[in-house]
Structure formats: C-alpha cells, structure tokens
Amino acid sequence: MDKVYKMVRVVGCSTESFERAVENAVAKASESLKNLSWFKVVEFSGGLNQGKVMEWQATVEIAFKVE
C-alpha cells in the first residue's frame, strides 16, 4: 500500500537549549496531530536580550501520515 504524508512547519522555543526547543516543537505538535512520523530541523535561531542569549529557537518540519 502506498503512503502519503503531510508536513507542517513549527517553531519550538526553549530557554535551555536547541535540543529542548526541538523537543518542545514535536511535543506541542503531537497534541493536535496524529500519526507523526519524522521531523527535520530547518533552522536554528535565538532571541537576545541586552546582548545575551535568552531563548533558543528551532524551526522544525514535522511529517505525519495522511489517513
């Protein structure tokens, strides 16, 4: 049987690390999407405050199987 997937792009944020930002993105997406299959990190970025890193951001594409 052939499979079809749809991808969504989300941005996860964390005050701890890029890894945590990715985990937050996937966890939040899993609350409203079913059949998550894989993810791809598209971009890393961050937020600054007075010259200091205050937030890590990860733009993530998440694929899920279309039923």
Protein backbone atom coordinates (compact mmCIF):
# COMPACT_ATOMS: atom_id res chain seq x y z
CA MET A 1 0.00 0.00 0.00
CA ASP A 2 1.29 3.46 -0.88
CA LYS A 3 1.72 6.07 1.82
CA VAL A 4 1.07 9.81 1.73
CA TYR A 5 2.45 12.31 4.22
CA LYS A 6 1.74 15.94 5.00
CA MET A 7 4.30 18.27 6.56
CA VAL A 8 3.78 21.21 8.87
CA ARG A 9 6.36 23.76 9.96
CA VAL A 10 6.52 24.85 13.59
CA VAL A 11 8.97 26.82 15.70
CA GLY A 12 9.84 25.43 19.11
CA CYS A 13 11.39 27.67 21.75
CA SER A 14 13.36 26.97 24.90
CA THR A 15 15.32 28.90 27.50
CA GLU A 16 17.58 25.83 27.91
CA SER A 17 18.90 24.59 24.55
CA PHE A 18 18.31 23.94 20.85
CA GLU A 19 17.62 20.29 21.63
CA ARG A 20 14.88 21.26 24.08
CA ALA A 21 13.42 23.66 21.51
CA VAL A 22 13.10 20.75 19.04
CA GLU A 23 11.54 18.55 21.71
CA ASN A 24 9.04 21.31 22.57
CA ALA A 25 8.06 21.71 18.91
CA VAL A 26 7.43 17.98 18.47
CA ALA A 27 5.60 17.63 21.79
CA LYS A 28 3.26 20.53 21.07
CA ALA A 29 2.53 19.32 17.52
CA SER A 30 1.71 15.85 18.85
CA GLU A 31 -1.10 17.34 20.95
CA SER A 32 -3.18 18.14 17.85
CA LEU A 33 -1.72 15.95 15.07
CA LYS A 34 -1.91 12.17 14.74
CA ASN A 35 0.43 9.69 13.09
CA LEU A 36 3.63 11.75 13.44
CA SER A 37 6.39 10.00 11.50
CA TRP A 38 9.55 12.11 11.38
CA PHE A 39 10.93 15.61 11.71
CA LYS A 40 13.57 17.72 10.01
CA VAL A 41 15.27 20.71 11.61
CA VAL A 42 15.18 23.52 9.05
CA GLU A 43 16.81 26.32 11.02
CA PHE A 44 18.20 27.24 14.39
CA SER A 45 17.90 30.80 15.71
CA GLY A 46 17.65 32.55 19.03
CA GLY A 47 16.44 35.51 20.97
CA LEU A 48 18.68 38.08 22.59
CA ASN A 49 18.23 40.49 25.47
CA GLN A 50 20.90 43.08 26.19
CA GLY A 51 23.48 41.09 24.23
CA LYS A 52 22.81 37.78 25.98
CA VAL A 53 21.13 34.67 24.63
CA MET A 54 17.75 34.42 26.28
CA GLU A 55 15.99 31.85 24.07
CA TRP A 56 16.87 29.10 21.60
CA GLN A 57 14.52 28.56 18.66
CA ALA A 58 14.25 25.60 16.29
CA THR A 59 12.22 25.69 13.09
CA VAL A 60 11.08 22.12 12.52
CA GLU A 61 9.17 20.42 9.72
CA ILE A 62 7.10 17.55 11.08
CA ALA A 63 5.59 14.89 8.83
CA PHE A 64 2.51 12.85 9.57
CA LYS A 65 0.77 10.12 7.64
CA VAL A 66 -2.45 11.09 5.89
CA GLU A 67 -5.15 8.51 6.52
